[in-house]
N, C-alpha and C. Protein backbone atom coordinates (compact mmCIF):
# COMPACT_ATOMS: atom_id res chain seq x y z
N MET A 1 -12.04 -10.21 -10.12
CA MET A 1 -12.06 -8.86 -10.64
C MET A 1 -10.90 -8.64 -11.61
N ARG A 2 -9.69 -8.99 -11.18
CA ARG A 2 -8.54 -8.76 -12.06
C ARG A 2 -8.59 -9.67 -13.28
N ARG A 3 -9.01 -10.90 -13.06
CA ARG A 3 -9.07 -11.85 -14.19
C ARG A 3 -9.97 -11.31 -15.29
N GLU A 4 -11.07 -10.66 -14.89
CA GLU A 4 -12.01 -10.11 -15.86
C GLU A 4 -11.80 -8.62 -16.11
N GLY A 5 -10.82 -8.02 -15.44
CA GLY A 5 -10.53 -6.60 -15.64
C GLY A 5 -11.62 -5.68 -15.13
N LEU A 6 -12.30 -6.07 -14.07
CA LEU A 6 -13.41 -5.27 -13.54
C LEU A 6 -12.90 -4.15 -12.64
N TRP A 7 -13.51 -3.00 -12.78
CA TRP A 7 -13.20 -1.89 -11.89
C TRP A 7 -13.72 -2.21 -10.49
N HIS A 8 -12.96 -1.81 -9.49
CA HIS A 8 -13.38 -2.02 -8.10
C HIS A 8 -12.72 -0.94 -7.24
N ALA A 9 -13.06 -0.92 -5.97
CA ALA A 9 -12.47 0.03 -5.02
C ALA A 9 -11.47 -0.71 -4.15
N ALA A 10 -10.40 0.00 -3.77
CA ALA A 10 -9.39 -0.57 -2.88
C ALA A 10 -8.94 0.50 -1.90
N ALA A 11 -8.65 0.07 -0.70
CA ALA A 11 -8.08 0.95 0.32
C ALA A 11 -6.57 0.74 0.32
N SER A 12 -5.81 1.83 0.35
CA SER A 12 -4.35 1.77 0.36
C SER A 12 -3.84 2.67 1.47
N VAL A 13 -3.03 2.10 2.37
CA VAL A 13 -2.56 2.84 3.54
C VAL A 13 -1.04 2.92 3.54
N LEU A 14 -0.55 4.13 3.67
CA LEU A 14 0.88 4.39 3.82
C LEU A 14 1.16 4.43 5.32
N VAL A 15 2.06 3.57 5.79
CA VAL A 15 2.39 3.51 7.21
C VAL A 15 3.71 4.23 7.42
N LEU A 16 3.64 5.34 8.16
CA LEU A 16 4.80 6.18 8.42
C LEU A 16 5.26 6.06 9.86
N SER A 17 6.54 6.31 10.07
CA SER A 17 7.06 6.40 11.43
C SER A 17 6.46 7.64 12.08
N PRO A 18 6.42 7.70 13.41
CA PRO A 18 5.82 8.87 14.07
C PRO A 18 6.44 10.21 13.67
N ASP A 19 7.73 10.22 13.33
CA ASP A 19 8.36 11.48 12.91
C ASP A 19 8.15 11.77 11.43
N GLY A 20 7.51 10.85 10.70
CA GLY A 20 7.22 11.05 9.29
C GLY A 20 8.42 10.91 8.37
N ALA A 21 9.55 10.46 8.89
CA ALA A 21 10.77 10.38 8.09
C ALA A 21 10.96 9.03 7.40
N SER A 22 10.21 8.01 7.83
CA SER A 22 10.34 6.68 7.26
C SER A 22 8.98 6.10 6.93
N VAL A 23 8.99 5.18 6.01
CA VAL A 23 7.78 4.49 5.58
C VAL A 23 8.03 2.98 5.67
N TYR A 24 6.98 2.22 5.95
CA TYR A 24 7.12 0.77 6.01
C TYR A 24 7.02 0.21 4.59
N VAL A 25 8.07 -0.46 4.15
CA VAL A 25 8.13 -1.06 2.82
C VAL A 25 8.17 -2.57 2.99
N HIS A 26 7.43 -3.26 2.17
CA HIS A 26 7.40 -4.72 2.26
C HIS A 26 7.54 -5.34 0.86
N ARG A 27 7.92 -6.60 0.87
CA ARG A 27 7.99 -7.37 -0.38
C ARG A 27 6.85 -8.38 -0.37
N ARG A 28 6.12 -8.40 -1.45
CA ARG A 28 4.99 -9.32 -1.59
C ARG A 28 5.49 -10.74 -1.76
N THR A 29 4.69 -11.70 -1.34
CA THR A 29 5.08 -13.10 -1.51
C THR A 29 5.12 -13.46 -2.99
N ALA A 30 5.85 -14.51 -3.29
CA ALA A 30 5.95 -15.00 -4.67
C ALA A 30 4.66 -15.65 -5.14
N THR A 31 3.73 -15.90 -4.23
CA THR A 31 2.47 -16.55 -4.59
C THR A 31 1.32 -15.57 -4.82
N LYS A 32 1.58 -14.27 -4.65
CA LYS A 32 0.51 -13.27 -4.89
C LYS A 32 0.04 -13.36 -6.34
N ASP A 33 -1.25 -13.14 -6.57
CA ASP A 33 -1.78 -13.27 -7.92
C ASP A 33 -1.42 -12.10 -8.83
N VAL A 34 -1.05 -10.98 -8.23
CA VAL A 34 -0.67 -9.82 -9.03
C VAL A 34 0.61 -9.22 -8.43
N TYR A 35 1.56 -8.91 -9.29
CA TYR A 35 2.86 -8.33 -8.90
C TYR A 35 3.57 -9.16 -7.82
N PRO A 36 3.67 -10.48 -8.01
CA PRO A 36 4.34 -11.31 -6.99
C PRO A 36 5.81 -10.94 -6.82
N GLY A 37 6.27 -11.00 -5.57
CA GLY A 37 7.68 -10.78 -5.27
C GLY A 37 8.17 -9.36 -5.37
N ARG A 38 7.30 -8.44 -5.69
CA ARG A 38 7.71 -7.04 -5.82
C ARG A 38 7.52 -6.29 -4.50
N TYR A 39 8.18 -5.14 -4.42
CA TYR A 39 8.11 -4.29 -3.24
C TYR A 39 6.93 -3.32 -3.34
N ASP A 40 6.47 -2.88 -2.17
CA ASP A 40 5.38 -1.91 -2.09
C ASP A 40 5.49 -1.15 -0.78
N CYS A 41 4.97 0.05 -0.74
CA CYS A 41 4.95 0.83 0.50
C CYS A 41 3.52 1.12 0.95
N TRP A 42 2.56 0.50 0.29
CA TRP A 42 1.15 0.65 0.64
C TRP A 42 0.63 -0.69 1.14
N THR A 43 -0.17 -0.65 2.18
CA THR A 43 -0.85 -1.82 2.69
C THR A 43 -2.32 -1.64 2.34
N GLY A 44 -2.95 -2.69 1.89
CA GLY A 44 -4.36 -2.52 1.58
C GLY A 44 -4.92 -3.64 0.75
N GLY A 45 -6.12 -3.40 0.25
CA GLY A 45 -6.78 -4.40 -0.55
C GLY A 45 -8.18 -3.96 -0.94
N VAL A 46 -8.89 -4.88 -1.49
CA VAL A 46 -10.21 -4.63 -2.05
C VAL A 46 -11.21 -4.24 -0.96
N VAL A 47 -12.01 -3.23 -1.25
CA VAL A 47 -13.11 -2.82 -0.38
C VAL A 47 -14.27 -3.78 -0.65
N ALA A 48 -14.73 -4.44 0.38
CA ALA A 48 -15.83 -5.41 0.23
C ALA A 48 -17.13 -4.70 -0.12
N ALA A 49 -18.04 -5.43 -0.72
CA ALA A 49 -19.35 -4.88 -1.08
C ALA A 49 -20.02 -4.30 0.16
N GLY A 50 -20.42 -3.04 0.09
CA GLY A 50 -21.09 -2.37 1.19
C GLY A 50 -20.16 -1.85 2.28
N GLU A 51 -18.87 -2.09 2.15
CA GLU A 51 -17.90 -1.66 3.16
C GLU A 51 -17.42 -0.24 2.87
N ASP A 52 -17.24 0.54 3.92
CA ASP A 52 -16.68 1.88 3.80
C ASP A 52 -15.17 1.75 3.55
N PRO A 53 -14.58 2.55 2.64
CA PRO A 53 -13.15 2.46 2.40
C PRO A 53 -12.29 2.67 3.65
N GLY A 54 -12.71 3.54 4.55
CA GLY A 54 -11.97 3.75 5.79
C GLY A 54 -11.97 2.51 6.67
N THR A 55 -13.09 1.82 6.70
CA THR A 55 -13.19 0.57 7.44
C THR A 55 -12.30 -0.49 6.80
N ALA A 56 -12.28 -0.52 5.48
CA ALA A 56 -11.41 -1.46 4.77
C ALA A 56 -9.94 -1.17 5.08
N ALA A 57 -9.57 0.10 5.17
CA ALA A 57 -8.19 0.47 5.49
C ALA A 57 -7.78 -0.07 6.86
N VAL A 58 -8.64 0.10 7.84
CA VAL A 58 -8.37 -0.40 9.20
C VAL A 58 -8.27 -1.92 9.18
N ARG A 59 -9.19 -2.57 8.48
CA ARG A 59 -9.19 -4.03 8.40
C ARG A 59 -7.91 -4.55 7.74
N GLU A 60 -7.53 -3.95 6.63
CA GLU A 60 -6.33 -4.40 5.90
C GLU A 60 -5.06 -4.20 6.72
N LEU A 61 -4.95 -3.10 7.44
CA LEU A 61 -3.78 -2.89 8.31
C LEU A 61 -3.66 -4.00 9.35
N ALA A 62 -4.79 -4.36 9.94
CA ALA A 62 -4.78 -5.42 10.95
C ALA A 62 -4.44 -6.77 10.33
N GLU A 63 -5.01 -7.06 9.17
CA GLU A 63 -4.77 -8.35 8.52
C GLU A 63 -3.33 -8.50 8.04
N GLU A 64 -2.83 -7.50 7.34
CA GLU A 64 -1.54 -7.64 6.66
C GLU A 64 -0.33 -7.34 7.54
N LEU A 65 -0.46 -6.35 8.45
CA LEU A 65 0.68 -5.93 9.27
C LEU A 65 0.48 -6.12 10.77
N GLY A 66 -0.72 -6.52 11.18
CA GLY A 66 -1.00 -6.65 12.60
C GLY A 66 -1.08 -5.31 13.31
N VAL A 67 -1.30 -4.24 12.55
CA VAL A 67 -1.40 -2.89 13.11
C VAL A 67 -2.86 -2.65 13.50
N ARG A 68 -3.05 -2.38 14.80
CA ARG A 68 -4.41 -2.17 15.32
C ARG A 68 -4.46 -0.92 16.18
N GLY A 69 -5.65 -0.36 16.32
CA GLY A 69 -5.84 0.79 17.19
C GLY A 69 -5.43 2.12 16.55
N VAL A 70 -5.40 2.17 15.23
CA VAL A 70 -5.07 3.42 14.54
C VAL A 70 -6.29 3.90 13.76
N ALA A 71 -6.30 5.18 13.45
CA ALA A 71 -7.36 5.77 12.63
C ALA A 71 -6.70 6.40 11.41
N PRO A 72 -6.58 5.66 10.31
CA PRO A 72 -5.93 6.22 9.12
C PRO A 72 -6.60 7.50 8.64
N GLN A 73 -5.77 8.45 8.25
CA GLN A 73 -6.25 9.75 7.76
C GLN A 73 -6.32 9.73 6.24
N PRO A 74 -7.44 10.19 5.67
CA PRO A 74 -7.57 10.21 4.21
C PRO A 74 -6.53 11.14 3.58
N LEU A 75 -5.99 10.69 2.45
CA LEU A 75 -5.05 11.50 1.68
C LEU A 75 -5.68 11.97 0.37
N PHE A 76 -6.04 11.03 -0.51
CA PHE A 76 -6.60 11.37 -1.81
C PHE A 76 -7.21 10.11 -2.42
N ARG A 77 -7.89 10.31 -3.53
CA ARG A 77 -8.43 9.19 -4.31
C ARG A 77 -7.80 9.27 -5.70
N LEU A 78 -7.60 8.11 -6.29
CA LEU A 78 -6.94 8.08 -7.58
C LEU A 78 -7.35 6.81 -8.32
N ALA A 79 -7.63 6.94 -9.61
CA ALA A 79 -7.93 5.76 -10.42
C ALA A 79 -6.61 5.21 -10.96
N PHE A 80 -6.49 3.88 -10.94
CA PHE A 80 -5.31 3.22 -11.48
C PHE A 80 -5.77 2.16 -12.47
N GLU A 81 -5.09 2.12 -13.63
CA GLU A 81 -5.42 1.11 -14.63
C GLU A 81 -4.14 0.68 -15.35
N GLU A 82 -3.87 -0.62 -15.28
CA GLU A 82 -2.77 -1.22 -16.02
C GLU A 82 -3.16 -2.65 -16.31
N GLY A 83 -3.39 -2.94 -17.56
CA GLY A 83 -3.83 -4.28 -17.93
C GLY A 83 -5.13 -4.63 -17.24
N SER A 84 -5.16 -5.77 -16.56
CA SER A 84 -6.39 -6.20 -15.88
C SER A 84 -6.51 -5.63 -14.47
N VAL A 85 -5.52 -4.84 -14.03
CA VAL A 85 -5.58 -4.20 -12.70
C VAL A 85 -6.22 -2.83 -12.88
N ARG A 86 -7.47 -2.72 -12.43
CA ARG A 86 -8.25 -1.49 -12.62
C ARG A 86 -9.03 -1.21 -11.35
N TYR A 87 -8.66 -0.12 -10.66
CA TYR A 87 -9.37 0.18 -9.42
C TYR A 87 -9.30 1.65 -9.06
N HIS A 88 -10.22 2.02 -8.18
CA HIS A 88 -10.24 3.35 -7.59
C HIS A 88 -9.59 3.23 -6.22
N ALA A 89 -8.44 3.87 -6.06
CA ALA A 89 -7.70 3.80 -4.80
C ALA A 89 -8.17 4.88 -3.84
N PHE A 90 -8.55 4.46 -2.66
CA PHE A 90 -8.86 5.36 -1.56
C PHE A 90 -7.61 5.33 -0.67
N CYS A 91 -6.82 6.39 -0.74
CA CYS A 91 -5.50 6.40 -0.09
C CYS A 91 -5.55 7.08 1.28
N TYR A 92 -4.85 6.46 2.23
CA TYR A 92 -4.79 6.92 3.62
C TYR A 92 -3.35 6.89 4.10
N ARG A 93 -3.13 7.52 5.23
CA ARG A 93 -1.84 7.43 5.92
C ARG A 93 -2.10 7.24 7.40
N THR A 94 -1.12 6.61 8.05
CA THR A 94 -1.18 6.47 9.48
C THR A 94 0.24 6.44 10.01
N SER A 95 0.40 6.69 11.29
CA SER A 95 1.70 6.60 11.96
C SER A 95 1.70 5.37 12.86
N TRP A 96 2.88 4.74 12.97
CA TRP A 96 2.96 3.53 13.77
C TRP A 96 4.39 3.36 14.28
N ASP A 97 4.52 2.99 15.55
CA ASP A 97 5.85 2.67 16.09
C ASP A 97 5.83 1.38 16.89
N GLY A 98 4.79 0.61 16.71
CA GLY A 98 4.67 -0.65 17.43
C GLY A 98 5.18 -1.82 16.61
N PRO A 99 4.93 -3.02 17.10
CA PRO A 99 5.38 -4.21 16.38
C PRO A 99 4.60 -4.41 15.08
N VAL A 100 5.25 -5.05 14.12
CA VAL A 100 4.63 -5.39 12.85
C VAL A 100 4.66 -6.91 12.71
N ARG A 101 3.50 -7.48 12.41
CA ARG A 101 3.38 -8.93 12.20
C ARG A 101 2.81 -9.17 10.81
N HIS A 102 3.65 -9.68 9.92
CA HIS A 102 3.24 -9.91 8.54
C HIS A 102 2.26 -11.05 8.40
N GLN A 103 1.30 -10.86 7.53
CA GLN A 103 0.42 -11.95 7.13
C GLN A 103 1.24 -12.81 6.15
N PRO A 104 1.59 -14.03 6.51
CA PRO A 104 2.54 -14.81 5.70
C PRO A 104 2.08 -15.11 4.27
N GLU A 105 0.80 -15.13 4.03
CA GLU A 105 0.30 -15.37 2.67
C GLU A 105 0.48 -14.15 1.77
N GLU A 106 0.64 -12.98 2.38
CA GLU A 106 0.70 -11.73 1.62
C GLU A 106 2.09 -11.10 1.57
N ILE A 107 2.82 -11.17 2.69
CA ILE A 107 4.07 -10.42 2.82
C ILE A 107 5.22 -11.35 3.17
N ALA A 108 6.28 -11.28 2.35
CA ALA A 108 7.46 -12.12 2.57
C ALA A 108 8.41 -11.50 3.58
N GLU A 109 8.58 -10.18 3.52
CA GLU A 109 9.47 -9.47 4.43
C GLU A 109 9.16 -7.98 4.36
N GLY A 110 9.67 -7.22 5.32
CA GLY A 110 9.45 -5.79 5.30
C GLY A 110 10.28 -5.09 6.35
N GLY A 111 10.32 -3.77 6.25
CA GLY A 111 11.05 -2.97 7.21
C GLY A 111 10.91 -1.49 6.91
N TRP A 112 11.45 -0.69 7.78
CA TRP A 112 11.36 0.77 7.65
C TRP A 112 12.41 1.27 6.66
N MET A 113 12.00 2.23 5.83
CA MET A 113 12.89 2.84 4.86
C MET A 113 12.70 4.35 4.91
N GLY A 114 13.80 5.08 4.96
CA GLY A 114 13.73 6.54 4.94
C GLY A 114 13.12 7.03 3.63
N LEU A 115 12.40 8.14 3.70
CA LEU A 115 11.75 8.67 2.50
C LEU A 115 12.77 9.03 1.42
N ALA A 116 13.93 9.53 1.81
CA ALA A 116 14.96 9.88 0.83
C ALA A 116 15.42 8.62 0.09
N GLU A 117 15.61 7.53 0.82
CA GLU A 117 16.00 6.28 0.17
C GLU A 117 14.90 5.76 -0.73
N LEU A 118 13.65 5.87 -0.30
CA LEU A 118 12.53 5.43 -1.13
C LEU A 118 12.51 6.21 -2.44
N ARG A 119 12.67 7.53 -2.37
CA ARG A 119 12.70 8.34 -3.60
C ARG A 119 13.84 7.89 -4.51
N GLU A 120 14.99 7.64 -3.91
CA GLU A 120 16.16 7.22 -4.69
C GLU A 120 15.91 5.88 -5.38
N ARG A 121 15.36 4.94 -4.64
CA ARG A 121 15.09 3.63 -5.23
C ARG A 121 14.01 3.70 -6.31
N LEU A 122 13.00 4.53 -6.10
CA LEU A 122 11.94 4.67 -7.10
C LEU A 122 12.45 5.29 -8.39
N ALA A 123 13.53 6.05 -8.30
CA ALA A 123 14.13 6.65 -9.50
C ALA A 123 14.79 5.60 -10.39
N ASP A 124 15.02 4.41 -9.85
CA ASP A 124 15.61 3.32 -10.60
C ASP A 124 14.49 2.45 -11.16
N PRO A 125 14.23 2.51 -12.48
CA PRO A 125 13.12 1.72 -13.04
C PRO A 125 13.34 0.21 -12.93
N ALA A 126 14.55 -0.21 -12.63
CA ALA A 126 14.83 -1.64 -12.50
C ALA A 126 14.45 -2.18 -11.11
N TRP A 127 14.22 -1.28 -10.13
CA TRP A 127 13.83 -1.76 -8.80
C TRP A 127 12.45 -2.39 -8.91
N PRO A 128 12.28 -3.63 -8.48
CA PRO A 128 11.00 -4.33 -8.65
C PRO A 128 9.92 -3.84 -7.68
N PHE A 129 9.34 -2.72 -8.00
CA PHE A 129 8.31 -2.09 -7.19
C PHE A 129 6.98 -2.19 -7.93
N VAL A 130 5.91 -2.43 -7.21
CA VAL A 130 4.60 -2.58 -7.86
C VAL A 130 4.21 -1.29 -8.59
N PRO A 131 3.69 -1.40 -9.82
CA PRO A 131 3.35 -0.19 -10.57
C PRO A 131 2.28 0.68 -9.92
N ASP A 132 1.28 0.06 -9.31
CA ASP A 132 0.24 0.87 -8.69
C ASP A 132 0.77 1.59 -7.47
N GLY A 133 1.57 0.91 -6.66
CA GLY A 133 2.17 1.55 -5.50
C GLY A 133 3.08 2.70 -5.90
N ARG A 134 3.82 2.52 -6.99
CA ARG A 134 4.68 3.59 -7.51
C ARG A 134 3.83 4.81 -7.88
N ARG A 135 2.74 4.55 -8.60
CA ARG A 135 1.88 5.67 -9.02
C ARG A 135 1.30 6.39 -7.81
N LEU A 136 0.87 5.64 -6.80
CA LEU A 136 0.27 6.26 -5.62
C LEU A 136 1.29 7.05 -4.81
N VAL A 137 2.49 6.50 -4.61
CA VAL A 137 3.48 7.22 -3.81
C VAL A 137 4.00 8.44 -4.57
N GLU A 138 4.09 8.35 -5.90
CA GLU A 138 4.48 9.53 -6.68
C GLU A 138 3.44 10.64 -6.54
N GLU A 139 2.17 10.26 -6.50
CA GLU A 139 1.10 11.24 -6.28
C GLU A 139 1.24 11.85 -4.89
N TRP A 140 1.52 11.03 -3.90
CA TRP A 140 1.69 11.53 -2.54
C TRP A 140 2.86 12.51 -2.47
N PHE A 141 3.99 12.15 -3.10
CA PHE A 141 5.15 13.05 -3.13
C PHE A 141 4.78 14.36 -3.82
N ALA A 142 4.05 14.28 -4.95
CA ALA A 142 3.65 15.48 -5.70
C ALA A 142 2.76 16.40 -4.87
N ARG A 143 2.01 15.82 -3.95
CA ARG A 143 1.12 16.61 -3.09
C ARG A 143 1.81 17.08 -1.82
N GLY A 144 3.12 16.89 -1.74
CA GLY A 144 3.87 17.40 -0.60
C GLY A 144 4.22 16.39 0.46
N GLY A 145 3.96 15.11 0.19
CA GLY A 145 4.26 14.07 1.15
C GLY A 145 5.73 13.79 1.27
């Protein structure tokens, strides 16, 4: 899809601490095909053909972070386009206070970050954060997140 610049759907989940004061931020592996080695606060991926975006959100949480038994809540939808990365984001949020197990092919490291620190880091254009994740979290902040 990205190689050919095809539009597709993706589920993106913001994982928050139960008190809503922190978000799980991770660094992508250096082998990722898009935005390798950069930070992100969204977990997710491509919605498979015929798959419901909410089902994709649950699947991606389990695959990438080992988070199971949650029901992500819909936030908003947003189109993102930058170069060959073109998709319709179905954005969700969930709360989690259990263990996190990274999918080693996708995530190099991660941890909890306070929302104030996330805003501060995002204000620095030199911080290596994925452009789509930046756009989505800025939208979430604009909507009162």
